[in-house]
């Protein structure tokens, strides 16, 4: 029961309190670039959930059973980037074959998941905090879920803002950045939960 409670606290903490985008400011490129429409944001969020969750598990296994026994932990960043790149290629091929519209809507941002610092950040955080493989996967899933929640909320707000009369100096990216800043302040309220 205590382990389940710890995992639940980790999920809430990673998804809401320490939101990868709004608290740690990682993964801002796709967050700002793909958040114009809710459907596209949801597709990006799903791709990020898949990549971060799987890369957390695979990276954890490789670190624990290959890098550590061989004493080559210093190669972790290179190995994690290769794992992430392979998973992103798999997602890209899948979307290109089965979800052509989403593939085209994500455009250049889909391959950018490979260099998304949020994905690599989760793998490195799991190693730094010495999470086991299961805990690392849960942390990865929760972090990606937090990313998805944030990007969908921003996309919904951006869709509504398109119909409002906004002063000329705030149109476009200034309003998006202001909205993201207000979202970050709002998400700080979750820190009282833990």
Protein backbone atom coordinates (compact mmCIF):
# COMPACT_ATOMS: atom_id res chain seq x y z
CA UNK A 1 0.00 0.00 0.00
CA UNK A 2 2.86 2.37 0.79
CA UNK A 3 4.47 1.78 -2.62
CA UNK A 4 1.21 2.55 -4.43
CA UNK A 5 0.87 5.75 -2.41
CA UNK A 6 4.42 6.77 -3.34
CA UNK A 7 3.75 6.11 -7.03
CA UNK A 8 0.50 8.11 -6.86
CA UNK A 9 2.33 11.03 -5.26
CA UNK A 10 4.99 10.76 -7.97
CA UNK A 11 2.30 10.91 -10.68
CA UNK A 12 0.67 14.00 -9.16
CA UNK A 13 4.03 15.63 -8.52
CA UNK A 14 5.43 14.98 -11.99
CA UNK A 15 2.25 15.83 -13.92
CA UNK A 16 1.04 18.88 -12.02
CA UNK A 17 3.40 20.23 -9.36
CA UNK A 18 6.68 19.86 -11.29
CA UNK A 19 5.11 20.18 -14.72
CA UNK A 20 7.89 19.75 -17.24
CA UNK A 21 6.78 22.75 -19.32
CA UNK A 22 5.27 25.15 -16.82
CA UNK A 23 7.58 24.54 -13.87
CA UNK A 24 10.84 23.25 -15.34
CA UNK A 25 10.52 25.08 -18.70
CA UNK A 26 11.64 22.07 -20.73
CA UNK A 27 10.06 21.22 -24.07
CA UNK A 28 8.97 24.76 -24.89
CA UNK A 29 9.53 24.45 -28.65
CA UNK A 30 6.72 21.95 -29.33
CA UNK A 31 4.66 23.47 -26.52
CA UNK A 32 4.55 26.84 -28.25
CA UNK A 33 4.74 25.61 -31.83
CA UNK A 34 2.11 22.86 -31.89
CA UNK A 35 -0.46 24.45 -29.60
CA UNK A 36 -2.48 26.26 -32.28
CA UNK A 37 -5.22 23.62 -32.49
CA UNK A 38 -6.46 21.20 -29.83
CA UNK A 39 -6.42 18.20 -32.21
CA UNK A 40 -2.80 18.79 -33.17
CA UNK A 41 -1.82 19.41 -29.54
CA UNK A 42 -3.52 16.17 -28.48
CA UNK A 43 -1.67 14.28 -31.21
CA UNK A 44 1.65 15.74 -30.12
CA UNK A 45 0.83 14.94 -26.50
CA UNK A 46 0.05 11.34 -27.39
CA UNK A 47 3.32 11.01 -29.32
CA UNK A 48 5.24 12.52 -26.39
CA UNK A 49 3.51 10.17 -23.91
CA UNK A 50 4.52 7.19 -26.02
CA UNK A 51 8.12 8.32 -26.52
CA UNK A 52 8.80 9.47 -22.94
CA UNK A 53 7.17 6.42 -21.33
CA UNK A 54 8.99 3.91 -23.51
CA UNK A 55 12.29 5.77 -23.45
CA UNK A 56 12.14 5.94 -19.65
CA UNK A 57 11.78 2.17 -19.45
CA UNK A 58 14.35 1.32 -22.11
CA UNK A 59 16.86 3.88 -20.83
CA UNK A 60 16.39 2.60 -17.27
CA UNK A 61 17.02 -0.98 -18.35
CA UNK A 62 20.08 -0.06 -20.41
CA UNK A 63 21.51 2.06 -17.59
CA UNK A 64 20.92 -0.56 -14.91
CA UNK A 65 21.90 -3.71 -16.81
CA UNK A 66 24.47 -2.53 -19.35
CA UNK A 67 26.06 0.82 -18.50
CA UNK A 68 26.41 0.34 -14.74
CA UNK A 69 27.85 -3.22 -14.79
CA UNK A 70 30.35 -2.21 -17.47
CA UNK A 71 31.29 0.96 -15.59
CA UNK A 72 30.48 3.22 -18.53
CA UNK A 73 27.79 5.38 -16.95
CA UNK A 74 29.40 8.45 -18.52
CA UNK A 75 27.89 7.34 -21.88
CA UNK A 76 24.35 7.70 -20.57
CA UNK A 77 23.51 10.90 -22.46
CA UNK A 78 24.62 9.51 -25.82
CA UNK A 79 22.84 6.20 -25.25
CA UNK A 80 19.63 7.91 -24.10
CA UNK A 81 19.61 10.17 -27.17
CA UNK A 82 19.98 7.12 -29.43
CA UNK A 83 17.09 5.35 -27.67
CA UNK A 84 14.90 8.46 -27.97
CA UNK A 85 15.80 8.91 -31.66
CA UNK A 86 14.87 5.30 -32.44
CA UNK A 87 11.51 5.63 -30.70
CA UNK A 88 10.73 8.91 -32.47
CA UNK A 89 11.52 7.26 -35.82
CA UNK A 90 9.07 4.49 -34.94
CA UNK A 91 6.35 7.04 -34.04
CA UNK A 92 7.04 9.01 -37.22
CA UNK A 93 6.75 5.90 -39.43
CA UNK A 94 3.56 4.84 -37.67
CA UNK A 95 1.91 8.25 -38.05
CA UNK A 96 3.01 8.58 -41.67
CA UNK A 97 1.45 5.23 -42.53
CA UNK A 98 -1.72 5.21 -40.41
CA UNK A 99 -2.49 8.85 -39.46
CA UNK A 100 -1.37 10.93 -42.42
CA UNK A 101 -3.33 14.05 -41.41
CA UNK A 102 -1.79 14.17 -37.93
CA UNK A 103 1.64 13.47 -39.41
CA UNK A 104 1.32 16.47 -41.72
CA UNK A 105 -0.16 18.67 -38.98
CA UNK A 106 2.75 17.97 -36.64
CA UNK A 107 5.19 18.74 -39.43
CA UNK A 108 8.71 19.55 -38.31
CA UNK A 109 7.80 19.27 -34.63
CA UNK A 110 7.52 15.48 -34.72
CA UNK A 111 11.22 14.87 -35.50
CA UNK A 112 12.04 17.57 -32.94
CA UNK A 113 10.84 15.22 -30.19
CA UNK A 114 14.27 13.58 -30.62
CA UNK A 115 15.97 16.75 -29.44
CA UNK A 116 13.21 17.74 -27.04
CA UNK A 117 15.02 18.42 -23.80
CA UNK A 118 11.97 17.25 -21.82
CA UNK A 119 12.35 13.69 -23.15
CA UNK A 120 16.06 13.53 -22.37
CA UNK A 121 15.49 15.37 -19.09
CA UNK A 122 13.14 12.67 -17.82
CA UNK A 123 15.61 9.89 -18.62
CA UNK A 124 18.42 11.76 -16.88
CA UNK A 125 16.22 12.65 -13.90
CA UNK A 126 15.31 8.98 -13.46
CA UNK A 127 19.01 8.10 -13.29
CA UNK A 128 19.88 11.06 -11.06
CA UNK A 129 17.14 10.25 -8.55
CA UNK A 130 18.08 6.57 -8.73
CA UNK A 131 14.57 5.44 -9.68
CA UNK A 132 14.05 1.77 -10.44
CA UNK A 133 12.73 0.81 -13.86
CA UNK A 134 9.05 0.75 -12.78
CA UNK A 135 9.32 4.05 -10.91
CA UNK A 136 11.16 5.57 -13.86
CA UNK A 137 8.42 4.47 -16.27
CA UNK A 138 5.73 5.90 -13.96
CA UNK A 139 7.68 9.15 -13.69
CA UNK A 140 8.08 9.26 -17.47
CA UNK A 141 4.38 8.64 -18.07
CA UNK A 142 3.34 11.24 -15.49
CA UNK A 143 5.74 13.84 -16.89
CA UNK A 144 4.45 13.24 -20.42
CA UNK A 145 0.87 13.40 -19.13
CA UNK A 146 1.67 16.78 -17.56
CA UNK A 147 3.10 17.96 -20.90
CA UNK A 148 -0.05 16.80 -22.67
CA UNK A 149 -2.34 18.52 -20.17
CA UNK A 150 -0.42 21.78 -20.53
CA UNK A 151 -0.28 21.76 -24.33
CA UNK A 152 -3.99 20.93 -24.69
CA UNK A 153 -4.98 23.68 -22.25
CA UNK A 154 -2.81 26.19 -24.13
CA UNK A 155 -4.25 25.06 -27.47
CA UNK A 156 -7.79 25.48 -26.17
CA UNK A 157 -7.02 28.97 -24.93
CA UNK A 158 -5.32 29.89 -28.22
CA UNK A 159 -8.36 28.73 -30.18
CA UNK A 160 -10.61 30.95 -28.05
CA UNK A 161 -8.21 33.91 -28.30
CA UNK A 162 -8.42 33.77 -32.11
CA UNK A 163 -11.97 35.19 -31.87
CA UNK A 164 -11.16 38.00 -29.43
CA UNK A 165 -10.25 41.59 -30.12
CA UNK A 166 -6.65 41.82 -28.93
CA UNK A 167 -4.49 44.95 -29.12
CA UNK A 168 -2.11 44.84 -32.08
CA UNK A 169 1.03 44.73 -29.92
CA UNK A 170 -0.21 41.59 -28.12
CA UNK A 171 -1.28 39.61 -31.20
CA UNK A 172 0.56 36.40 -31.99
CA UNK A 173 3.43 35.16 -29.86
CA UNK A 174 3.29 37.90 -27.18
CA UNK A 175 -0.22 36.75 -26.21
CA UNK A 176 0.86 33.10 -26.30
CA UNK A 177 3.80 33.80 -23.99
CA UNK A 178 1.61 35.84 -21.66
CA UNK A 179 -0.92 33.00 -21.56
CA UNK A 180 1.80 30.43 -20.90
CA UNK A 181 3.15 32.59 -18.07
CA UNK A 182 -0.29 32.84 -16.48
CA UNK A 183 -0.69 29.07 -16.83
CA UNK A 184 2.66 28.58 -15.07
CA UNK A 185 1.47 30.77 -12.20
CA UNK A 186 -1.78 28.80 -12.01
CA UNK A 187 0.08 25.49 -11.93
CA UNK A 188 2.14 26.80 -8.97
CA UNK A 189 -1.09 26.44 -7.01
CA UNK A 190 -0.71 22.66 -7.26
CA UNK A 191 2.41 22.82 -5.10
CA UNK A 192 0.16 23.05 -2.06
CA UNK A 193 -1.10 19.51 -2.78
CA UNK A 194 2.12 17.76 -1.79
